[in-house]
Amino acid sequence: MSYDAFVGTVAGKKALFVLPTIPDDAPPAVREGLARRRVATLTGRCPCGGRSGLNRAARRARRGKVQRAGFVHEGGCPATDEELRKFGWVPMFGGGGRG
């Protein structure tokens, strides 16, 4: 699996996001799921309406540490771990990969 790096902000501070590259040969549902994860990570919102699951106290506790973004997606969203697992993709730090 290859990764892309993006510079963005979290709570007004510079952050580095390392996200999986969306493989050209992945099934359409996996491509959509990974694309939605990318949008959710970079913008804080998923197209399904899901939002970051970290509240202000959790963000403070993790300040300065490498962390996996927590998201609560709507049921049936292709970005959920459950949907990606249906295609043999196992979510891991920084995104998902083939199991």
N, C-alpha and C. Protein backbone atom coordinates (compact mmCIF):
# COMPACT_ATOMS: atom_id res chain seq x y z
N MET A 1 0.86 -1.17 0.00
CA MET A 1 0.00 0.00 0.00
C MET A 1 0.89 1.22 0.00
N SER A 2 0.55 2.20 -0.82
CA SER A 2 1.29 3.46 -0.82
C SER A 2 0.43 4.55 -0.16
N TYR A 3 1.10 5.62 0.21
CA TYR A 3 0.43 6.68 0.95
C TYR A 3 0.73 8.03 0.32
N ASP A 4 -0.19 8.98 0.56
CA ASP A 4 -0.02 10.37 0.16
C ASP A 4 0.02 11.20 1.44
N ALA A 5 0.81 12.25 1.44
CA ALA A 5 0.90 13.14 2.59
C ALA A 5 0.29 14.49 2.25
N PHE A 6 -0.46 15.04 3.19
CA PHE A 6 -1.11 16.34 3.02
C PHE A 6 -0.85 17.17 4.27
N VAL A 7 -0.60 18.45 4.09
CA VAL A 7 -0.47 19.36 5.22
C VAL A 7 -1.81 20.06 5.38
N GLY A 8 -2.29 20.10 6.61
CA GLY A 8 -3.56 20.77 6.90
C GLY A 8 -3.52 21.35 8.29
N THR A 9 -4.68 21.60 8.86
CA THR A 9 -4.75 22.13 10.22
C THR A 9 -5.74 21.32 11.05
N VAL A 10 -5.45 21.26 12.33
CA VAL A 10 -6.34 20.67 13.32
C VAL A 10 -6.39 21.65 14.48
N ALA A 11 -7.56 22.14 14.79
CA ALA A 11 -7.73 23.11 15.87
C ALA A 11 -6.78 24.30 15.71
N GLY A 12 -6.61 24.74 14.46
CA GLY A 12 -5.78 25.90 14.19
C GLY A 12 -4.28 25.64 14.16
N LYS A 13 -3.87 24.41 14.36
CA LYS A 13 -2.44 24.05 14.34
C LYS A 13 -2.12 23.25 13.10
N LYS A 14 -0.91 23.44 12.56
CA LYS A 14 -0.47 22.68 11.39
C LYS A 14 -0.44 21.20 11.72
N ALA A 15 -0.86 20.38 10.77
CA ALA A 15 -0.87 18.93 10.96
C ALA A 15 -0.47 18.25 9.66
N LEU A 16 0.12 17.07 9.79
CA LEU A 16 0.47 16.27 8.63
C LEU A 16 -0.49 15.08 8.59
N PHE A 17 -1.17 14.90 7.47
CA PHE A 17 -2.08 13.79 7.28
C PHE A 17 -1.44 12.80 6.31
N VAL A 18 -1.35 11.55 6.71
CA VAL A 18 -0.81 10.49 5.85
C VAL A 18 -1.97 9.54 5.56
N LEU A 19 -2.37 9.52 4.29
CA LEU A 19 -3.57 8.78 3.89
C LEU A 19 -3.24 7.79 2.78
N PRO A 20 -3.94 6.66 2.75
CA PRO A 20 -3.66 5.69 1.69
C PRO A 20 -3.99 6.23 0.31
N THR A 21 -3.14 5.90 -0.65
CA THR A 21 -3.42 6.20 -2.03
C THR A 21 -4.58 5.32 -2.47
N ILE A 22 -5.48 5.86 -3.25
CA ILE A 22 -6.62 5.06 -3.70
C ILE A 22 -6.19 4.26 -4.92
N PRO A 23 -6.10 2.93 -4.79
CA PRO A 23 -5.61 2.11 -5.90
C PRO A 23 -6.56 2.10 -7.10
N ASP A 24 -6.01 2.20 -8.29
CA ASP A 24 -6.81 2.17 -9.51
C ASP A 24 -7.54 0.84 -9.68
N ASP A 25 -6.95 -0.25 -9.15
CA ASP A 25 -7.53 -1.58 -9.35
C ASP A 25 -8.49 -2.00 -8.25
N ALA A 26 -8.76 -1.12 -7.29
CA ALA A 26 -9.68 -1.46 -6.19
C ALA A 26 -11.11 -1.48 -6.72
N PRO A 27 -11.97 -2.31 -6.10
CA PRO A 27 -13.39 -2.31 -6.48
C PRO A 27 -13.99 -0.91 -6.27
N PRO A 28 -14.99 -0.55 -7.06
CA PRO A 28 -15.60 0.79 -6.93
C PRO A 28 -16.04 1.14 -5.50
N ALA A 29 -16.59 0.19 -4.77
CA ALA A 29 -17.04 0.48 -3.40
C ALA A 29 -15.86 0.81 -2.49
N VAL A 30 -14.74 0.14 -2.70
CA VAL A 30 -13.54 0.42 -1.90
C VAL A 30 -12.97 1.79 -2.29
N ARG A 31 -12.93 2.07 -3.57
CA ARG A 31 -12.45 3.39 -4.02
C ARG A 31 -13.31 4.50 -3.40
N GLU A 32 -14.62 4.32 -3.41
CA GLU A 32 -15.52 5.32 -2.83
C GLU A 32 -15.30 5.43 -1.33
N GLY A 33 -15.15 4.30 -0.66
CA GLY A 33 -14.92 4.31 0.79
C GLY A 33 -13.64 5.03 1.16
N LEU A 34 -12.56 4.74 0.44
CA LEU A 34 -11.29 5.40 0.72
C LEU A 34 -11.35 6.89 0.36
N ALA A 35 -12.05 7.23 -0.70
CA ALA A 35 -12.20 8.64 -1.08
C ALA A 35 -12.97 9.40 0.01
N ARG A 36 -14.01 8.77 0.54
CA ARG A 36 -14.78 9.41 1.61
C ARG A 36 -13.95 9.56 2.87
N ARG A 37 -13.13 8.55 3.18
CA ARG A 37 -12.25 8.67 4.35
C ARG A 37 -11.29 9.83 4.18
N ARG A 38 -10.79 10.01 2.98
CA ARG A 38 -9.87 11.11 2.70
C ARG A 38 -10.58 12.45 2.92
N VAL A 39 -11.77 12.61 2.35
CA VAL A 39 -12.54 13.84 2.52
C VAL A 39 -12.82 14.08 4.00
N ALA A 40 -13.24 13.03 4.70
CA ALA A 40 -13.57 13.16 6.12
C ALA A 40 -12.37 13.59 6.94
N THR A 41 -11.22 13.00 6.67
CA THR A 41 -10.01 13.33 7.42
C THR A 41 -9.58 14.77 7.16
N LEU A 42 -9.63 15.19 5.91
CA LEU A 42 -9.13 16.52 5.56
C LEU A 42 -10.11 17.65 5.87
N THR A 43 -11.41 17.35 5.90
CA THR A 43 -12.40 18.41 6.12
C THR A 43 -13.13 18.31 7.45
N GLY A 44 -13.07 17.14 8.09
CA GLY A 44 -13.79 16.96 9.35
C GLY A 44 -15.21 16.46 9.17
N ARG A 45 -15.64 16.29 7.92
CA ARG A 45 -17.00 15.80 7.64
C ARG A 45 -16.95 14.80 6.51
N CYS A 46 -17.74 13.73 6.64
CA CYS A 46 -17.87 12.75 5.58
C CYS A 46 -19.11 13.12 4.75
N PRO A 47 -19.11 12.80 3.45
CA PRO A 47 -20.30 13.06 2.64
C PRO A 47 -21.57 12.41 3.19
N CYS A 48 -21.43 11.36 4.02
CA CYS A 48 -22.62 10.72 4.61
C CYS A 48 -23.20 11.54 5.75
N GLY A 49 -22.48 12.58 6.18
CA GLY A 49 -22.91 13.39 7.31
C GLY A 49 -22.14 13.08 8.58
N GLY A 50 -21.28 12.06 8.54
CA GLY A 50 -20.47 11.69 9.70
C GLY A 50 -19.49 12.79 10.07
N ARG A 51 -19.15 12.80 11.36
CA ARG A 51 -18.24 13.82 11.88
C ARG A 51 -17.19 13.16 12.76
N SER A 52 -16.15 13.92 13.02
CA SER A 52 -15.09 13.45 13.91
C SER A 52 -15.70 13.07 15.26
N GLY A 53 -15.24 11.94 15.80
CA GLY A 53 -15.75 11.46 17.08
C GLY A 53 -14.95 11.96 18.27
N LEU A 54 -13.97 12.85 18.05
CA LEU A 54 -13.15 13.35 19.14
C LEU A 54 -13.68 14.69 19.64
N ASN A 55 -14.00 14.73 20.93
CA ASN A 55 -14.44 16.00 21.49
C ASN A 55 -13.21 16.82 21.92
N ARG A 56 -13.42 18.01 22.41
CA ARG A 56 -12.32 18.90 22.75
C ARG A 56 -11.38 18.29 23.79
N ALA A 57 -11.92 17.64 24.82
CA ALA A 57 -11.07 17.04 25.86
C ALA A 57 -10.21 15.93 25.29
N ALA A 58 -10.77 15.12 24.39
CA ALA A 58 -10.00 14.04 23.77
C ALA A 58 -8.89 14.60 22.90
N ARG A 59 -9.17 15.67 22.18
CA ARG A 59 -8.14 16.29 21.34
C ARG A 59 -7.01 16.83 22.20
N ARG A 60 -7.35 17.47 23.34
CA ARG A 60 -6.31 17.99 24.23
C ARG A 60 -5.45 16.87 24.78
N ALA A 61 -6.06 15.76 25.16
CA ALA A 61 -5.31 14.64 25.74
C ALA A 61 -4.34 14.05 24.73
N ARG A 62 -4.66 14.13 23.46
CA ARG A 62 -3.82 13.54 22.41
C ARG A 62 -2.89 14.55 21.75
N ARG A 63 -2.92 15.78 22.21
CA ARG A 63 -2.13 16.85 21.60
C ARG A 63 -0.66 16.45 21.48
N GLY A 64 -0.10 16.65 20.30
CA GLY A 64 1.31 16.38 20.07
C GLY A 64 1.64 14.93 19.82
N LYS A 65 0.64 14.06 19.78
CA LYS A 65 0.87 12.63 19.57
C LYS A 65 0.32 12.21 18.22
N VAL A 66 0.94 11.19 17.63
CA VAL A 66 0.40 10.61 16.41
C VAL A 66 -0.90 9.93 16.79
N GLN A 67 -1.93 10.15 16.01
CA GLN A 67 -3.21 9.56 16.35
C GLN A 67 -4.02 9.21 15.11
N ARG A 68 -4.88 8.26 15.29
CA ARG A 68 -5.81 7.87 14.24
C ARG A 68 -7.09 8.66 14.45
N ALA A 69 -7.54 9.29 13.41
CA ALA A 69 -8.77 10.09 13.51
C ALA A 69 -9.96 9.18 13.75
N GLY A 70 -10.78 9.54 14.70
CA GLY A 70 -12.00 8.76 14.98
C GLY A 70 -13.18 9.42 14.30
N PHE A 71 -13.94 8.63 13.55
CA PHE A 71 -15.11 9.16 12.87
C PHE A 71 -16.31 8.29 13.15
N VAL A 72 -17.45 8.93 13.23
CA VAL A 72 -18.72 8.23 13.36
C VAL A 72 -19.46 8.46 12.05
N HIS A 73 -19.54 7.40 11.22
CA HIS A 73 -20.21 7.49 9.92
C HIS A 73 -21.65 7.02 10.05
N GLU A 74 -22.49 7.44 9.14
CA GLU A 74 -23.86 6.95 9.08
C GLU A 74 -23.85 5.49 8.63
N GLY A 75 -24.84 4.74 9.04
CA GLY A 75 -24.94 3.34 8.65
C GLY A 75 -24.95 3.17 7.14
N GLY A 76 -24.20 2.19 6.65
CA GLY A 76 -24.15 1.91 5.22
C GLY A 76 -23.16 2.76 4.45
N CYS A 77 -22.49 3.70 5.12
CA CYS A 77 -21.50 4.52 4.43
C CYS A 77 -20.36 3.62 3.98
N PRO A 78 -19.89 3.73 2.74
CA PRO A 78 -18.80 2.87 2.27
C PRO A 78 -17.47 3.13 2.96
N ALA A 79 -17.38 4.18 3.77
CA ALA A 79 -16.13 4.48 4.48
C ALA A 79 -16.01 3.75 5.82
N THR A 80 -17.07 3.06 6.24
CA THR A 80 -16.99 2.37 7.53
C THR A 80 -16.07 1.15 7.44
N ASP A 81 -15.47 0.80 8.57
CA ASP A 81 -14.62 -0.39 8.63
C ASP A 81 -15.39 -1.62 8.14
N GLU A 82 -16.65 -1.75 8.55
CA GLU A 82 -17.46 -2.91 8.19
C GLU A 82 -17.64 -3.04 6.68
N GLU A 83 -17.92 -1.92 6.02
CA GLU A 83 -18.12 -1.96 4.57
C GLU A 83 -16.83 -2.31 3.84
N LEU A 84 -15.71 -1.73 4.28
CA LEU A 84 -14.43 -2.03 3.64
C LEU A 84 -14.01 -3.48 3.86
N ARG A 85 -14.33 -4.03 5.03
CA ARG A 85 -13.99 -5.44 5.31
C ARG A 85 -14.73 -6.40 4.38
N LYS A 86 -15.89 -6.02 3.91
CA LYS A 86 -16.64 -6.88 2.98
C LYS A 86 -15.85 -7.17 1.72
N PHE A 87 -14.90 -6.30 1.40
CA PHE A 87 -14.09 -6.46 0.19
C PHE A 87 -12.66 -6.88 0.51
N GLY A 88 -12.45 -7.33 1.74
CA GLY A 88 -11.13 -7.81 2.14
C GLY A 88 -10.16 -6.72 2.51
N TRP A 89 -10.64 -5.51 2.73
CA TRP A 89 -9.77 -4.41 3.13
C TRP A 89 -9.84 -4.30 4.64
N VAL A 90 -8.69 -4.31 5.27
CA VAL A 90 -8.62 -4.26 6.72
C VAL A 90 -8.14 -2.86 7.14
N PRO A 91 -9.01 -2.07 7.75
CA PRO A 91 -8.59 -0.74 8.19
C PRO A 91 -7.45 -0.83 9.19
N MET A 92 -6.48 0.07 9.03
CA MET A 92 -5.34 0.14 9.95
C MET A 92 -4.93 1.59 10.07
N PHE A 93 -3.91 1.88 10.88
CA PHE A 93 -3.47 3.24 11.08
C PHE A 93 -3.22 3.91 9.74
N GLY A 94 -3.81 5.07 9.56
CA GLY A 94 -3.59 5.83 8.34
C GLY A 94 -4.50 5.44 7.20
N GLY A 95 -5.41 4.50 7.42
CA GLY A 95 -6.31 4.11 6.34
C GLY A 95 -6.54 2.64 6.31
N GLY A 96 -6.68 2.06 5.16
CA GLY A 96 -6.97 0.64 5.04
C GLY A 96 -6.00 -0.04 4.11
N GLY A 97 -5.99 -1.32 4.13
CA GLY A 97 -5.13 -2.09 3.24
C GLY A 97 -5.74 -3.45 2.99
N ARG A 98 -5.24 -4.10 2.00
CA ARG A 98 -5.76 -5.43 1.70
C ARG A 98 -5.33 -6.39 2.78
N GLY A 99 -6.29 -7.20 3.22
CA GLY A 99 -6.01 -8.15 4.30
C GLY A 99 -5.33 -9.39 3.83
